[in-house]
Amino acid sequence: MTKRQQEKLDAIFTRVAQEELQVETLEQRWSDNLDFYDIPVWGIKNALERAYEAGRNSVK
């Protein structure tokens, strides 16, 4: 994977995490208060569905 492709993928993951899981960033911040979240299962399911769809759409 090229650097550009990885950056695009990281941006998609970050957007999904922000919108579906209310996670500010996917960067590790070395703090339990900032790096661990309580996430409901339906939020995880929605995030996985969106990530899957983003992957499917990127192949078209």
PDB file of N, CA and C in Angstrom:
ATOM      1  N   MET A   1       0.846  -1.169   0.000  1.00  0.00           N
ATOM      2  CA  MET A   1       0.000   0.000   0.000  1.00  0.00           C
ATOM      3  C   MET A   1       0.899   1.241   0.000  1.00  0.00           C
ATOM      4  N   THR A   2       0.555   2.186  -0.833  1.00  0.00           N
ATOM      5  CA  THR A   2       1.339   3.413  -0.895  1.00  0.00           C
ATOM      6  C   THR A   2       1.010   4.297   0.309  1.00  0.00           C
ATOM      7  N   LYS A   3       1.869   5.270   0.549  1.00  0.00           N
ATOM      8  CA  LYS A   3       1.643   6.200   1.653  1.00  0.00           C
ATOM      9  C   LYS A   3       0.333   6.952   1.446  1.00  0.00           C
ATOM     10  N   ARG A   4       0.060   7.346   0.220  1.00  0.00           N
ATOM     11  CA  ARG A   4      -1.172   8.078  -0.105  1.00  0.00           C
ATOM     12  C   ARG A   4      -2.403   7.221   0.167  1.00  0.00           C
ATOM     13  N   GLN A   5      -2.355   5.956  -0.211  1.00  0.00           N
ATOM     14  CA  GLN A   5      -3.476   5.053   0.043  1.00  0.00           C
ATOM     15  C   GLN A   5      -3.700   4.881   1.543  1.00  0.00           C
ATOM     16  N   GLN A   6      -2.613   4.739   2.303  1.00  0.00           N
ATOM     17  CA  GLN A   6      -2.718   4.580   3.753  1.00  0.00           C
ATOM     18  C   GLN A   6      -3.314   5.835   4.394  1.00  0.00           C
ATOM     19  N   GLU A   7      -2.906   7.003   3.916  1.00  0.00           N
ATOM     20  CA  GLU A   7      -3.449   8.250   4.452  1.00  0.00           C
ATOM     21  C   GLU A   7      -4.944   8.354   4.183  1.00  0.00           C
ATOM     22  N   LYS A   8      -5.362   7.947   2.992  1.00  0.00           N
ATOM     23  CA  LYS A   8      -6.779   7.983   2.643  1.00  0.00           C
ATOM     24  C   LYS A   8      -7.571   7.016   3.526  1.00  0.00           C
ATOM     25  N   LEU A   9      -7.037   5.825   3.726  1.00  0.00           N
ATOM     26  CA  LEU A   9      -7.679   4.837   4.586  1.00  0.00           C
ATOM     27  C   LEU A   9      -7.760   5.326   6.025  1.00  0.00           C
ATOM     28  N   ASP A  10      -6.694   5.908   6.531  1.00  0.00           N
ATOM     29  CA  ASP A  10      -6.676   6.454   7.886  1.00  0.00           C
ATOM     30  C   ASP A  10      -7.733   7.550   8.044  1.00  0.00           C
ATOM     31  N   ALA A  11      -7.895   8.377   7.027  1.00  0.00           N
ATOM     32  CA  ALA A  11      -8.895   9.449   7.082  1.00  0.00           C
ATOM     33  C   ALA A  11     -10.308   8.869   7.139  1.00  0.00           C
ATOM     34  N   ILE A  12     -10.561   7.815   6.386  1.00  0.00           N
ATOM     35  CA  ILE A  12     -11.873   7.164   6.411  1.00  0.00           C
ATOM     36  C   ILE A  12     -12.128   6.572   7.784  1.00  0.00           C
ATOM     37  N   PHE A  13     -11.148   5.854   8.333  1.00  0.00           N
ATOM     38  CA  PHE A  13     -11.308   5.251   9.655  1.00  0.00           C
ATOM     39  C   PHE A  13     -11.562   6.316  10.714  1.00  0.00           C
ATOM     40  N   THR A  14     -10.832   7.407  10.639  1.00  0.00           N
ATOM     41  CA  THR A  14     -10.998   8.484  11.611  1.00  0.00           C
ATOM     42  C   THR A  14     -12.382   9.097  11.514  1.00  0.00           C
ATOM     43  N   ARG A  15     -12.845   9.343  10.300  1.00  0.00           N
ATOM     44  CA  ARG A  15     -14.179   9.930  10.113  1.00  0.00           C
ATOM     45  C   ARG A  15     -15.263   8.998  10.663  1.00  0.00           C
ATOM     46  N   VAL A  16     -15.157   7.700  10.384  1.00  0.00           N
ATOM     47  CA  VAL A  16     -16.130   6.736  10.904  1.00  0.00           C
ATOM     48  C   VAL A  16     -16.078   6.712  12.431  1.00  0.00           C
ATOM     49  N   ALA A  17     -14.894   6.683  13.002  1.00  0.00           N
ATOM     50  CA  ALA A  17     -14.747   6.667  14.461  1.00  0.00           C
ATOM     51  C   ALA A  17     -15.353   7.913  15.094  1.00  0.00           C
ATOM     52  N   GLN A  18     -15.139   9.051  14.476  1.00  0.00           N
ATOM     53  CA  GLN A  18     -15.684  10.298  15.010  1.00  0.00           C
ATOM     54  C   GLN A  18     -17.206  10.323  14.925  1.00  0.00           C
ATOM     55  N   GLU A  19     -17.742   9.934  13.802  1.00  0.00           N
ATOM     56  CA  GLU A  19     -19.182  10.050  13.577  1.00  0.00           C
ATOM     57  C   GLU A  19     -19.989   8.943  14.242  1.00  0.00           C
ATOM     58  N   GLU A  20     -19.474   7.729  14.270  1.00  0.00           N
ATOM     59  CA  GLU A  20     -20.231   6.599  14.804  1.00  0.00           C
ATOM     60  C   GLU A  20     -19.908   6.287  16.262  1.00  0.00           C
ATOM     61  N   LEU A  21     -18.667   6.541  16.670  1.00  0.00           N
ATOM     62  CA  LEU A  21     -18.231   6.125  18.004  1.00  0.00           C
ATOM     63  C   LEU A  21     -17.920   7.296  18.930  1.00  0.00           C
ATOM     64  N   GLN A  22     -18.012   8.524  18.408  1.00  0.00           N
ATOM     65  CA  GLN A  22     -17.676   9.725  19.162  1.00  0.00           C
ATOM     66  C   GLN A  22     -16.248   9.652  19.725  1.00  0.00           C
ATOM     67  N   VAL A  23     -15.347   9.111  18.908  1.00  0.00           N
ATOM     68  CA  VAL A  23     -13.922   9.022  19.241  1.00  0.00           C
ATOM     69  C   VAL A  23     -13.229  10.157  18.505  1.00  0.00           C
ATOM     70  N   GLU A  24     -12.584  11.029  19.241  1.00  0.00           N
ATOM     71  CA  GLU A  24     -11.977  12.233  18.665  1.00  0.00           C
ATOM     72  C   GLU A  24     -10.869  11.908  17.659  1.00  0.00           C
ATOM     73  N   THR A  25      -9.990  10.984  18.019  1.00  0.00           N
ATOM     74  CA  THR A  25      -8.869  10.638  17.160  1.00  0.00           C
ATOM     75  C   THR A  25      -8.517   9.172  17.345  1.00  0.00           C
ATOM     76  N   LEU A  26      -7.912   8.572  16.353  1.00  0.00           N
ATOM     77  CA  LEU A  26      -7.429   7.196  16.458  1.00  0.00           C
ATOM     78  C   LEU A  26      -5.940   7.154  16.787  1.00  0.00           C
ATOM     79  N   GLU A  27      -5.363   8.315  17.018  1.00  0.00           N
ATOM     80  CA  GLU A  27      -3.953   8.382  17.417  1.00  0.00           C
ATOM     81  C   GLU A  27      -3.828   7.996  18.892  1.00  0.00           C
ATOM     82  N   GLN A  28      -2.817   7.212  19.200  1.00  0.00           N
ATOM     83  CA  GLN A  28      -2.576   6.844  20.593  1.00  0.00           C
ATOM     84  C   GLN A  28      -2.048   8.056  21.349  1.00  0.00           C
ATOM     85  N   ARG A  29      -2.658   8.329  22.509  1.00  0.00           N
ATOM     86  CA  ARG A  29      -2.275   9.512  23.273  1.00  0.00           C
ATOM     87  C   ARG A  29      -1.659   9.164  24.628  1.00  0.00           C
ATOM     88  N   TRP A  30      -1.438   7.898  24.875  1.00  0.00           N
ATOM     89  CA  TRP A  30      -0.732   7.424  26.064  1.00  0.00           C
ATOM     90  C   TRP A  30      -1.400   7.841  27.368  1.00  0.00           C
ATOM     91  N   SER A  31      -2.720   7.823  27.369  1.00  0.00           N
ATOM     92  CA  SER A  31      -3.479   8.151  28.569  1.00  0.00           C
ATOM     93  C   SER A  31      -4.741   7.292  28.579  1.00  0.00           C
ATOM     94  N   ASP A  32      -4.976   6.571  29.669  1.00  0.00           N
ATOM     95  CA  ASP A  32      -6.169   5.738  29.745  1.00  0.00           C
ATOM     96  C   ASP A  32      -7.432   6.554  29.531  1.00  0.00           C
ATOM     97  N   ASN A  33      -7.483   7.751  30.075  1.00  0.00           N
ATOM     98  CA  ASN A  33      -8.667   8.604  29.927  1.00  0.00           C
ATOM     99  C   ASN A  33      -8.919   9.019  28.487  1.00  0.00           C
ATOM    100  N   LEU A  34      -7.879   9.055  27.680  1.00  0.00           N
ATOM    101  CA  LEU A  34      -8.011   9.492  26.289  1.00  0.00           C
ATOM    102  C   LEU A  34      -8.022   8.333  25.289  1.00  0.00           C
ATOM    103  N   ASP A  35      -7.498   7.182  25.676  1.00  0.00           N
ATOM    104  CA  ASP A  35      -7.339   6.075  24.721  1.00  0.00           C
ATOM    105  C   ASP A  35      -8.359   4.942  24.875  1.00  0.00           C
ATOM    106  N   PHE A  36      -9.147   4.938  25.943  1.00  0.00           N
ATOM    107  CA  PHE A  36     -10.131   3.884  26.146  1.00  0.00           C
ATOM    108  C   PHE A  36     -11.527   4.488  26.215  1.00  0.00           C
ATOM    109  N   TYR A  37     -12.494   3.782  25.576  1.00  0.00           N
ATOM    110  CA  TYR A  37     -13.862   4.287  25.482  1.00  0.00           C
ATOM    111  C   TYR A  37     -14.849   3.185  25.845  1.00  0.00           C
ATOM    112  N   ASP A  38     -15.993   3.585  26.363  1.00  0.00           N
ATOM    113  CA  ASP A  38     -17.132   2.680  26.512  1.00  0.00           C
ATOM    114  C   ASP A  38     -17.998   2.897  25.285  1.00  0.00           C
ATOM    115  N   ILE A  39     -18.118   1.861  24.481  1.00  0.00           N
ATOM    116  CA  ILE A  39     -18.846   1.976  23.212  1.00  0.00           C
ATOM    117  C   ILE A  39     -19.938   0.912  23.182  1.00  0.00           C
ATOM    118  N   PRO A  40     -21.178   1.308  22.882  1.00  0.00           N
ATOM    119  CA  PRO A  40     -22.244   0.302  22.805  1.00  0.00           C
ATOM    120  C   PRO A  40     -22.057  -0.584  21.567  1.00  0.00           C
ATOM    121  N   VAL A  41     -22.560  -1.802  21.658  1.00  0.00           N
ATOM    122  CA  VAL A  41     -22.376  -2.748  20.549  1.00  0.00           C
ATOM    123  C   VAL A  41     -22.992  -2.233  19.255  1.00  0.00           C
ATOM    124  N   TRP A  42     -24.119  -1.509  19.336  1.00  0.00           N
ATOM    125  CA  TRP A  42     -24.721  -0.991  18.103  1.00  0.00           C
ATOM    126  C   TRP A  42     -23.828   0.073  17.458  1.00  0.00           C
ATOM    127  N   GLY A  43     -23.084   0.808  18.255  1.00  0.00           N
ATOM    128  CA  GLY A  43     -22.138   1.776  17.703  1.00  0.00           C
ATOM    129  C   GLY A  43     -20.998   1.080  16.987  1.00  0.00           C
ATOM    130  N   ILE A  44     -20.516  -0.002  17.568  1.00  0.00           N
ATOM    131  CA  ILE A  44     -19.452  -0.780  16.921  1.00  0.00           C
ATOM    132  C   ILE A  44     -19.963  -1.378  15.620  1.00  0.00           C
ATOM    133  N   LYS A  45     -21.178  -1.920  15.652  1.00  0.00           N
ATOM    134  CA  LYS A  45     -21.772  -2.507  14.442  1.00  0.00           C
ATOM    135  C   LYS A  45     -21.910  -1.457  13.340  1.00  0.00           C
ATOM    136  N   ASN A  46     -22.423  -0.278  13.680  1.00  0.00           N
ATOM    137  CA  ASN A  46     -22.569   0.788  12.687  1.00  0.00           C
ATOM    138  C   ASN A  46     -21.219   1.198  12.106  1.00  0.00           C
ATOM    139  N   ALA A  47     -20.213   1.305  12.949  1.00  0.00           N
ATOM    140  CA  ALA A  47     -18.880   1.690  12.482  1.00  0.00           C
ATOM    141  C   ALA A  47     -18.304   0.628  11.553  1.00  0.00           C
ATOM    142  N   LEU A  48     -18.474  -0.640  11.897  1.00  0.00           N
ATOM    143  CA  LEU A  48     -17.975  -1.717  11.038  1.00  0.00           C
ATOM    144  C   LEU A  48     -18.698  -1.733   9.693  1.00  0.00           C
ATOM    145  N   GLU A  49     -20.008  -1.510   9.722  1.00  0.00           N
ATOM    146  CA  GLU A  49     -20.766  -1.467   8.466  1.00  0.00           C
ATOM    147  C   GLU A  49     -20.285  -0.335   7.567  1.00  0.00           C
ATOM    148  N   ARG A  50     -20.059   0.838   8.155  1.00  0.00           N
ATOM    149  CA  ARG A  50     -19.590   1.980   7.362  1.00  0.00           C
ATOM    150  C   ARG A  50     -18.199   1.734   6.806  1.00  0.00           C
ATOM    151  N   ALA A  51     -17.315   1.152   7.605  1.00  0.00           N
ATOM    152  CA  ALA A  51     -15.959   0.843   7.137  1.00  0.00           C
ATOM    153  C   ALA A  51     -16.014  -0.191   6.008  1.00  0.00           C
ATOM    154  N   TYR A  52     -16.870  -1.183   6.156  1.00  0.00           N
ATOM    155  CA  TYR A  52     -17.029  -2.193   5.116  1.00  0.00           C
ATOM    156  C   TYR A  52     -17.518  -1.559   3.812  1.00  0.00           C
ATOM    157  N   GLU A  53     -18.535  -0.721   3.906  1.00  0.00           N
ATOM    158  CA  GLU A  53     -19.063  -0.041   2.720  1.00  0.00           C
ATOM    159  C   GLU A  53     -18.015   0.862   2.074  1.00  0.00           C
ATOM    160  N   ALA A  54     -17.238   1.545   2.883  1.00  0.00           N
ATOM    161  CA  ALA A  54     -16.174   2.397   2.341  1.00  0.00           C
ATOM    162  C   ALA A  54     -15.176   1.554   1.564  1.00  0.00           C
ATOM    163  N   GLY A  55     -14.855   0.387   2.082  1.00  0.00           N
ATOM    164  CA  GLY A  55     -13.952  -0.520   1.377  1.00  0.00           C
ATOM    165  C   GLY A  55     -14.555  -1.025   0.077  1.00  0.00           C
ATOM    166  N   ARG A  56     -15.804  -1.401   0.118  1.00  0.00           N
ATOM    167  CA  ARG A  56     -16.485  -1.868  -1.108  1.00  0.00           C
ATOM    168  C   ARG A  56     -16.521  -0.774  -2.170  1.00  0.00           C
ATOM    169  N   ASN A  57     -16.829   0.441  -1.745  1.00  0.00           N
ATOM    170  CA  ASN A  57     -16.917   1.552  -2.695  1.00  0.00           C
ATOM    171  C   ASN A  57     -15.568   1.927  -3.264  1.00  0.00           C
ATOM    172  N   SER A  58     -14.502   1.685  -2.535  1.00  0.00           N
ATOM    173  CA  SER A  58     -13.177   2.048  -3.024  1.00  0.00           C
ATOM    174  C   SER A  58     -12.685   1.102  -4.115  1.00  0.00           C
ATOM    175  N   VAL A  59     -13.270  -0.076  -4.196  1.00  0.00           N
ATOM    176  CA  VAL A  59     -12.857  -1.067  -5.199  1.00  0.00           C
ATOM    177  C   VAL A  59     -13.565  -0.804  -6.526  1.00  0.00           C
ATOM    178  N   LYS A  60     -14.705  -0.172  -6.491  1.00  0.00           N
ATOM    179  CA  LYS A  60     -15.492   0.077  -7.715  1.00  0.00           C
ATOM    180  C   LYS A  60     -14.812   1.025  -8.644  1.00  0.00           C
TER     181      LYS A  60
END
